[in-house]
Amino acid sequence: MKKLFLLLLPGMLLLAGSAEAQLQKGVKYWGATINFRGEFFHDMEDGSNVHNRKTSNPSVMPEAQIGWFVSGKTMLGVGLRYSLSYQKDDQSPLDYEVRSFGQSLQLLPFIRQYYTLNDRWAIFVHGELGPTYSWSKTKNGGLIPSTSKSDYWQYGLSVKPGVVYTFPNKKWSIEAYTNFLALNFNYQPSYDGADRQFKFGTGLTTSFPSYFSLRIARYIQPKN
């Protein structure tokens, strides 16, 4: 799938360049998605219940976007993304338990460039840049229980291509971000004694489920 998409992408771009744009200035855009993730791990030493460790870390991340077409190919907009995660680590017979509860909020202005293939299909390049505020609380159990809190800012830039399919009614669409072609930059200033960090990443991965992200979108035509 990945290799096929990479081979077809140049041809799709050439076709898009000669196609008549189906989108127009003044069209409004609404998009929303929600991601769920979760893992559960249970490790038993020698197959017994005497020494075992249980770990779970579910998370949920809803996101909403709104945009406006400033031309037949270019859209400007802003997105709001919220993340909620919980992690629990329980070790027996040490009677040691760690619980962590984290949240983050991102404000993401974006620009998107479209290349129309036909009246149903189009490809686009999506770029977003904005701040993220994160805060968390961790409780450590055991003989000497303790609680720690942290909060910090970070700033990111992301560029990723995608494809959109519009249903026959011309009102609703399904978008798919191709994460394996994405580029990500992230900067985190120093806080609470932690050193500042600068990270660069790509979507190249061997995990197929992370290749694509789906989203439901609505394109509202301007009133005449």
C-alpha atoms as a PDB file:
ATOM      1  CA  MET A   1       0.000   0.000   0.000  1.00  0.00           C
ATOM      2  CA  LYS A   2       2.705   2.457   0.983  1.00  0.00           C
ATOM      3  CA  LYS A   3       4.881   1.726  -2.078  1.00  0.00           C
ATOM      4  CA  LEU A   4       1.880   1.915  -4.407  1.00  0.00           C
ATOM      5  CA  PHE A   5       0.880   5.328  -3.054  1.00  0.00           C
ATOM      6  CA  LEU A   6       4.432   6.642  -3.421  1.00  0.00           C
ATOM      7  CA  LEU A   7       4.567   5.458  -7.036  1.00  0.00           C
ATOM      8  CA  LEU A   8       1.198   6.977  -7.920  1.00  0.00           C
ATOM      9  CA  LEU A   9       1.677  10.296  -6.130  1.00  0.00           C
ATOM     10  CA  PRO A  10       3.713  12.059  -8.897  1.00  0.00           C
ATOM     11  CA  GLY A  11       1.144  11.062 -11.487  1.00  0.00           C
ATOM     12  CA  MET A  12      -1.685  12.266  -9.279  1.00  0.00           C
ATOM     13  CA  LEU A  13       0.021  15.645  -8.894  1.00  0.00           C
ATOM     14  CA  LEU A  14       0.444  15.996 -12.657  1.00  0.00           C
ATOM     15  CA  LEU A  15      -3.178  15.076 -13.218  1.00  0.00           C
ATOM     16  CA  ALA A  16      -4.240  17.502 -10.512  1.00  0.00           C
ATOM     17  CA  GLY A  17      -2.347  20.352 -12.141  1.00  0.00           C
ATOM     18  CA  SER A  18      -4.340  20.006 -15.360  1.00  0.00           C
ATOM     19  CA  ALA A  19      -7.721  19.407 -13.748  1.00  0.00           C
ATOM     20  CA  GLU A  20     -10.287  22.130 -13.311  1.00  0.00           C
ATOM     21  CA  ALA A  21     -10.667  23.087  -9.667  1.00  0.00           C
ATOM     22  CA  GLN A  22     -13.984  21.986  -8.183  1.00  0.00           C
ATOM     23  CA  LEU A  23     -13.565  24.107  -5.050  1.00  0.00           C
ATOM     24  CA  GLN A  24     -14.034  27.847  -5.031  1.00  0.00           C
ATOM     25  CA  LYS A  25     -13.364  30.960  -3.002  1.00  0.00           C
ATOM     26  CA  GLY A  26     -15.764  31.479  -0.111  1.00  0.00           C
ATOM     27  CA  VAL A  27     -16.433  27.803   0.638  1.00  0.00           C
ATOM     28  CA  LYS A  28     -16.493  27.116   4.384  1.00  0.00           C
ATOM     29  CA  TYR A  29     -14.993  24.016   5.933  1.00  0.00           C
ATOM     30  CA  TRP A  30     -15.785  22.081   9.112  1.00  0.00           C
ATOM     31  CA  GLY A  31     -13.845  18.992  10.166  1.00  0.00           C
ATOM     32  CA  ALA A  32     -13.891  16.763  13.238  1.00  0.00           C
ATOM     33  CA  THR A  33     -12.235  13.570  14.381  1.00  0.00           C
ATOM     34  CA  ILE A  34     -11.601  11.606  17.555  1.00  0.00           C
ATOM     35  CA  ASN A  35      -8.812   9.103  18.195  1.00  0.00           C
ATOM     36  CA  PHE A  36      -8.771   6.370  20.821  1.00  0.00           C
ATOM     37  CA  ARG A  37      -5.699   4.461  21.902  1.00  0.00           C
ATOM     38  CA  GLY A  38      -5.046   1.987  24.653  1.00  0.00           C
ATOM     39  CA  GLU A  39      -2.711  -0.759  25.787  1.00  0.00           C
ATOM     40  CA  PHE A  40      -2.848  -3.316  28.557  1.00  0.00           C
ATOM     41  CA  PHE A  41       0.198  -5.297  29.624  1.00  0.00           C
ATOM     42  CA  HIS A  42       0.365  -8.090  32.228  1.00  0.00           C
ATOM     43  CA  ASP A  43       3.757  -9.639  33.015  1.00  0.00           C
ATOM     44  CA  MET A  44       3.934 -12.677  35.327  1.00  0.00           C
ATOM     45  CA  GLU A  45       7.317 -14.018  36.403  1.00  0.00           C
ATOM     46  CA  ASP A  46       7.613 -17.768  35.683  1.00  0.00           C
ATOM     47  CA  GLY A  47       3.897 -17.856  34.915  1.00  0.00           C
ATOM     48  CA  SER A  48       2.934 -17.319  38.567  1.00  0.00           C
ATOM     49  CA  ASN A  49       0.887 -14.652  40.281  1.00  0.00           C
ATOM     50  CA  VAL A  50       3.494 -14.102  42.986  1.00  0.00           C
ATOM     51  CA  HIS A  51       5.506 -11.543  41.035  1.00  0.00           C
ATOM     52  CA  ASN A  52       3.519  -9.718  38.408  1.00  0.00           C
ATOM     53  CA  ARG A  53       3.183  -6.307  36.839  1.00  0.00           C
ATOM     54  CA  LYS A  54       0.105  -4.747  35.271  1.00  0.00           C
ATOM     55  CA  THR A  55       0.281  -1.675  33.041  1.00  0.00           C
ATOM     56  CA  SER A  56      -2.523   0.152  31.234  1.00  0.00           C
ATOM     57  CA  ASN A  57      -2.477   3.461  29.344  1.00  0.00           C
ATOM     58  CA  PRO A  58      -5.707   4.450  27.532  1.00  0.00           C
ATOM     59  CA  SER A  59      -6.013   7.852  25.835  1.00  0.00           C
ATOM     60  CA  VAL A  60      -8.514   9.874  23.812  1.00  0.00           C
ATOM     61  CA  MET A  61      -7.866  12.837  21.479  1.00  0.00           C
ATOM     62  CA  PRO A  62     -10.772  14.791  19.896  1.00  0.00           C
ATOM     63  CA  GLU A  63     -10.091  17.547  17.359  1.00  0.00           C
ATOM     64  CA  ALA A  64     -12.170  20.148  15.509  1.00  0.00           C
ATOM     65  CA  GLN A  65     -11.231  22.415  12.595  1.00  0.00           C
ATOM     66  CA  ILE A  66     -12.821  25.323  10.768  1.00  0.00           C
ATOM     67  CA  GLY A  67     -11.558  26.939   7.571  1.00  0.00           C
ATOM     68  CA  TRP A  68     -12.309  29.213   4.630  1.00  0.00           C
ATOM     69  CA  PHE A  69     -11.183  28.975   1.013  1.00  0.00           C
ATOM     70  CA  VAL A  70      -9.364  32.140  -0.024  1.00  0.00           C
ATOM     71  CA  SER A  71      -9.053  30.794  -3.584  1.00  0.00           C
ATOM     72  CA  GLY A  72     -10.066  27.721  -5.551  1.00  0.00           C
ATOM     73  CA  LYS A  73      -7.071  25.794  -4.203  1.00  0.00           C
ATOM     74  CA  THR A  74      -6.027  27.398  -0.913  1.00  0.00           C
ATOM     75  CA  MET A  75      -7.739  27.181   2.456  1.00  0.00           C
ATOM     76  CA  LEU A  76      -6.857  28.969   5.710  1.00  0.00           C
ATOM     77  CA  GLY A  77      -8.198  27.867   9.060  1.00  0.00           C
ATOM     78  CA  VAL A  78      -7.613  26.974  12.677  1.00  0.00           C
ATOM     79  CA  GLY A  79      -7.865  23.745  14.644  1.00  0.00           C
ATOM     80  CA  LEU A  80      -8.317  22.903  18.324  1.00  0.00           C
ATOM     81  CA  ARG A  81      -7.024  19.565  19.644  1.00  0.00           C
ATOM     82  CA  TYR A  82      -7.455  18.144  23.152  1.00  0.00           C
ATOM     83  CA  SER A  83      -5.700  15.085  24.555  1.00  0.00           C
ATOM     84  CA  LEU A  84      -6.511  13.097  27.684  1.00  0.00           C
ATOM     85  CA  SER A  85      -4.363  10.176  28.835  1.00  0.00           C
ATOM     86  CA  TYR A  86      -4.222   7.924  31.869  1.00  0.00           C
ATOM     87  CA  GLN A  87      -1.498   5.468  32.855  1.00  0.00           C
ATOM     88  CA  LYS A  88      -1.438   2.944  35.679  1.00  0.00           C
ATOM     89  CA  ASP A  89       1.521   0.771  36.672  1.00  0.00           C
ATOM     90  CA  ASP A  90       0.892  -1.822  39.393  1.00  0.00           C
ATOM     91  CA  GLN A  91       3.670  -4.110  40.664  1.00  0.00           C
ATOM     92  CA  SER A  92       3.120  -6.999  43.090  1.00  0.00           C
ATOM     93  CA  PRO A  93       4.061  -8.129  45.708  1.00  0.00           C
ATOM     94  CA  LEU A  94       5.919  -4.812  46.142  1.00  0.00           C
ATOM     95  CA  ASP A  95       2.592  -3.069  46.677  1.00  0.00           C
ATOM     96  CA  TYR A  96       3.898  -0.312  44.418  1.00  0.00           C
ATOM     97  CA  GLU A  97       1.510   1.590  42.183  1.00  0.00           C
ATOM     98  CA  VAL A  98       1.969   4.618  39.936  1.00  0.00           C
ATOM     99  CA  ARG A  99      -0.959   6.536  38.488  1.00  0.00           C
ATOM    100  CA  SER A 100      -0.473   9.318  35.966  1.00  0.00           C
ATOM    101  CA  PHE A 101      -3.134  11.621  34.528  1.00  0.00           C
ATOM    102  CA  GLY A 102      -2.160  13.953  31.679  1.00  0.00           C
ATOM    103  CA  GLN A 103      -3.905  16.507  29.490  1.00  0.00           C
ATOM    104  CA  SER A 104      -2.916  18.847  26.673  1.00  0.00           C
ATOM    105  CA  LEU A 105      -4.534  21.530  24.546  1.00  0.00           C
ATOM    106  CA  GLN A 106      -3.314  22.628  21.098  1.00  0.00           C
ATOM    107  CA  LEU A 107      -4.274  25.679  19.034  1.00  0.00           C
ATOM    108  CA  LEU A 108      -3.276  25.008  15.430  1.00  0.00           C
ATOM    109  CA  PRO A 109      -3.664  27.633  12.676  1.00  0.00           C
ATOM    110  CA  PHE A 110      -3.245  25.894   9.319  1.00  0.00           C
ATOM    111  CA  ILE A 111      -2.978  26.357   5.578  1.00  0.00           C
ATOM    112  CA  ARG A 112      -4.021  23.718   3.058  1.00  0.00           C
ATOM    113  CA  GLN A 113      -3.340  23.520  -0.677  1.00  0.00           C
ATOM    114  CA  TYR A 114      -5.699  21.401  -2.824  1.00  0.00           C
ATOM    115  CA  TYR A 115      -5.146  19.673  -6.164  1.00  0.00           C
ATOM    116  CA  THR A 116      -8.398  18.502  -7.735  1.00  0.00           C
ATOM    117  CA  LEU A 117      -8.473  15.158  -9.544  1.00  0.00           C
ATOM    118  CA  ASN A 118     -12.175  15.113 -10.495  1.00  0.00           C
ATOM    119  CA  ASP A 119     -15.539  16.098  -8.995  1.00  0.00           C
ATOM    120  CA  ARG A 120     -15.181  13.486  -6.211  1.00  0.00           C
ATOM    121  CA  TRP A 121     -11.475  13.190  -5.457  1.00  0.00           C
ATOM    122  CA  ALA A 122      -8.751  15.660  -4.520  1.00  0.00           C
ATOM    123  CA  ILE A 123      -5.364  15.547  -2.821  1.00  0.00           C
ATOM    124  CA  PHE A 124      -3.960  18.216  -0.522  1.00  0.00           C
ATOM    125  CA  VAL A 125      -0.938  19.288   1.486  1.00  0.00           C
ATOM    126  CA  HIS A 126      -1.755  20.393   5.042  1.00  0.00           C
ATOM    127  CA  GLY A 127       0.586  22.537   7.141  1.00  0.00           C
ATOM    128  CA  GLU A 128      -0.107  23.610  10.731  1.00  0.00           C
ATOM    129  CA  LEU A 129       1.861  25.564  13.307  1.00  0.00           C
ATOM    130  CA  GLY A 130       0.966  26.375  16.897  1.00  0.00           C
ATOM    131  CA  PRO A 131       1.495  26.057  20.655  1.00  0.00           C
ATOM    132  CA  THR A 132       0.620  23.197  22.980  1.00  0.00           C
ATOM    133  CA  TYR A 133       0.000  23.510  26.702  1.00  0.00           C
ATOM    134  CA  SER A 134       0.349  20.270  28.700  1.00  0.00           C
ATOM    135  CA  TRP A 135      -0.251  19.504  32.351  1.00  0.00           C
ATOM    136  CA  SER A 136      -0.097  16.274  34.347  1.00  0.00           C
ATOM    137  CA  LYS A 137      -0.377  14.793  37.826  1.00  0.00           C
ATOM    138  CA  THR A 138       1.429  11.652  39.024  1.00  0.00           C
ATOM    139  CA  LYS A 139       0.818   9.681  42.228  1.00  0.00           C
ATOM    140  CA  ASN A 140       3.469   7.244  43.430  1.00  0.00           C
ATOM    141  CA  GLY A 141       2.390   4.574  45.936  1.00  0.00           C
ATOM    142  CA  GLY A 142       4.495   2.351  48.164  1.00  0.00           C
ATOM    143  CA  LEU A 143       5.953   2.919  51.620  1.00  0.00           C
ATOM    144  CA  ILE A 144       6.378   6.658  51.068  1.00  0.00           C
ATOM    145  CA  PRO A 145       3.547   7.933  48.850  1.00  0.00           C
ATOM    146  CA  SER A 146       4.153  11.106  46.865  1.00  0.00           C
ATOM    147  CA  THR A 147       2.385  13.313  44.352  1.00  0.00           C
ATOM    148  CA  SER A 148       3.987  15.426  41.658  1.00  0.00           C
ATOM    149  CA  LYS A 149       2.579  17.919  39.157  1.00  0.00           C
ATOM    150  CA  SER A 150       4.015  19.499  36.020  1.00  0.00           C
ATOM    151  CA  ASP A 151       2.948  21.860  33.278  1.00  0.00           C
ATOM    152  CA  TYR A 152       4.815  23.196  30.265  1.00  0.00           C
ATOM    153  CA  TRP A 153       4.531  24.730  26.800  1.00  0.00           C
ATOM    154  CA  GLN A 154       5.822  23.391  23.505  1.00  0.00           C
ATOM    155  CA  TYR A 155       5.600  24.562  19.901  1.00  0.00           C
ATOM    156  CA  GLY A 156       5.218  22.426  16.808  1.00  0.00           C
ATOM    157  CA  LEU A 157       5.136  22.510  13.025  1.00  0.00           C
ATOM    158  CA  SER A 158       3.607  19.704  10.977  1.00  0.00           C
ATOM    159  CA  VAL A 159       3.328  19.168   7.218  1.00  0.00           C
ATOM    160  CA  LYS A 160       1.406  16.186   5.835  1.00  0.00           C
ATOM    161  CA  PRO A 161      -0.343  15.242   2.588  1.00  0.00           C
ATOM    162  CA  GLY A 162      -3.803  13.766   2.346  1.00  0.00           C
ATOM    163  CA  VAL A 163      -6.659  12.764   0.104  1.00  0.00           C
ATOM    164  CA  VAL A 164     -10.351  13.729   0.259  1.00  0.00           C
ATOM    165  CA  TYR A 165     -13.417  11.981  -1.181  1.00  0.00           C
ATOM    166  CA  THR A 166     -16.642  13.988  -1.531  1.00  0.00           C
ATOM    167  CA  PHE A 167     -19.984  12.180  -1.428  1.00  0.00           C
ATOM    168  CA  PRO A 168     -22.470  12.686  -4.301  1.00  0.00           C
ATOM    169  CA  ASN A 169     -24.514  15.199  -2.278  1.00  0.00           C
ATOM    170  CA  LYS A 170     -21.441  17.521  -2.335  1.00  0.00           C
ATOM    171  CA  LYS A 171     -21.906  18.326   1.356  1.00  0.00           C
ATOM    172  CA  TRP A 172     -19.972  15.660   3.288  1.00  0.00           C
ATOM    173  CA  SER A 173     -16.507  14.288   2.708  1.00  0.00           C
ATOM    174  CA  ILE A 174     -14.055  11.796   4.156  1.00  0.00           C
ATOM    175  CA  GLU A 175     -10.428  12.871   4.505  1.00  0.00           C
ATOM    176  CA  ALA A 176      -7.403  10.645   5.018  1.00  0.00           C
ATOM    177  CA  TYR A 177      -4.072  12.034   6.174  1.00  0.00           C
ATOM    178  CA  THR A 178      -1.125   9.994   4.912  1.00  0.00           C
ATOM    179  CA  ASN A 179       0.994  10.070   8.058  1.00  0.00           C
ATOM    180  CA  PHE A 180       3.858   8.036   6.603  1.00  0.00           C
ATOM    181  CA  LEU A 181       4.782  11.051   4.415  1.00  0.00           C
ATOM    182  CA  ALA A 182       4.463  13.621   7.221  1.00  0.00           C
ATOM    183  CA  LEU A 183       7.181  15.890   8.622  1.00  0.00           C
ATOM    184  CA  ASN A 184       7.085  17.125  12.227  1.00  0.00           C
ATOM    185  CA  PHE A 185       9.145  19.705  14.126  1.00  0.00           C
ATOM    186  CA  ASN A 186       8.755  20.318  17.854  1.00  0.00           C
ATOM    187  CA  TYR A 187      10.425  22.740  20.250  1.00  0.00           C
ATOM    188  CA  GLN A 188      10.049  22.558  24.033  1.00  0.00           C
ATOM    189  CA  PRO A 189      11.588  25.277  26.223  1.00  0.00           C
ATOM    190  CA  SER A 190      13.237  24.318  29.492  1.00  0.00           C
ATOM    191  CA  TYR A 191      10.978  24.007  32.547  1.00  0.00           C
ATOM    192  CA  ASP A 192      11.327  22.823  36.171  1.00  0.00           C
ATOM    193  CA  GLY A 193      15.010  22.074  35.653  1.00  0.00           C
ATOM    194  CA  ALA A 194      14.429  20.065  32.448  1.00  0.00           C
ATOM    195  CA  ASP A 195      16.559  20.962  29.429  1.00  0.00           C
ATOM    196  CA  ARG A 196      14.969  22.452  26.351  1.00  0.00           C
ATOM    197  CA  GLN A 197      14.348  20.035  23.503  1.00  0.00           C
ATOM    198  CA  PHE A 198      14.152  20.243  19.729  1.00  0.00           C
ATOM    199  CA  LYS A 199      12.718  17.242  17.881  1.00  0.00           C
ATOM    200  CA  PHE A 200      12.335  16.362  14.231  1.00  0.00           C
ATOM    201  CA  GLY A 201      10.351  13.364  13.069  1.00  0.00           C
ATOM    202  CA  THR A 202       8.854  11.722  10.014  1.00  0.00           C
ATOM    203  CA  GLY A 203       5.896   9.428   9.582  1.00  0.00           C
ATOM    204  CA  LEU A 204       8.059   6.563   8.345  1.00  0.00           C
ATOM    205  CA  THR A 205       7.094   3.552  10.426  1.00  0.00           C
ATOM    206  CA  THR A 206       6.562  -0.203  10.198  1.00  0.00           C
ATOM    207  CA  SER A 207       3.234   0.044  12.020  1.00  0.00           C
ATOM    208  CA  PHE A 208       0.493   0.023   9.366  1.00  0.00           C
ATOM    209  CA  PRO A 209      -2.349   1.447  11.540  1.00  0.00           C
ATOM    210  CA  SER A 210      -0.431   4.720  11.867  1.00  0.00           C
ATOM    211  CA  TYR A 211      -0.199   5.216   8.088  1.00  0.00           C
ATOM    212  CA  PHE A 212      -3.617   6.877   7.775  1.00  0.00           C
ATOM    213  CA  SER A 213      -5.920   9.080   9.877  1.00  0.00           C
ATOM    214  CA  LEU A 214      -9.563   9.453   8.817  1.00  0.00           C
ATOM    215  CA  ARG A 215     -11.753  12.510   9.357  1.00  0.00           C
ATOM    216  CA  ILE A 216     -15.334  13.500   8.555  1.00  0.00           C
ATOM    217  CA  ALA A 217     -15.575  16.954   6.936  1.00  0.00           C
ATOM    218  CA  ARG A 218     -18.266  19.311   5.675  1.00  0.00           C
ATOM    219  CA  TYR A 219     -17.767  21.756   2.793  1.00  0.00           C
ATOM    220  CA  ILE A 220     -20.395  24.511   2.794  1.00  0.00           C
ATOM    221  CA  GLN A 221     -20.860  26.302  -0.513  1.00  0.00           C
ATOM    222  CA  PRO A 222     -21.281  30.112  -0.397  1.00  0.00           C
ATOM    223  CA  LYS A 223     -24.760  31.510  -0.893  1.00  0.00           C
ATOM    224  CA  ASN A 224     -25.342  33.272  -4.160  1.00  0.00           C
END
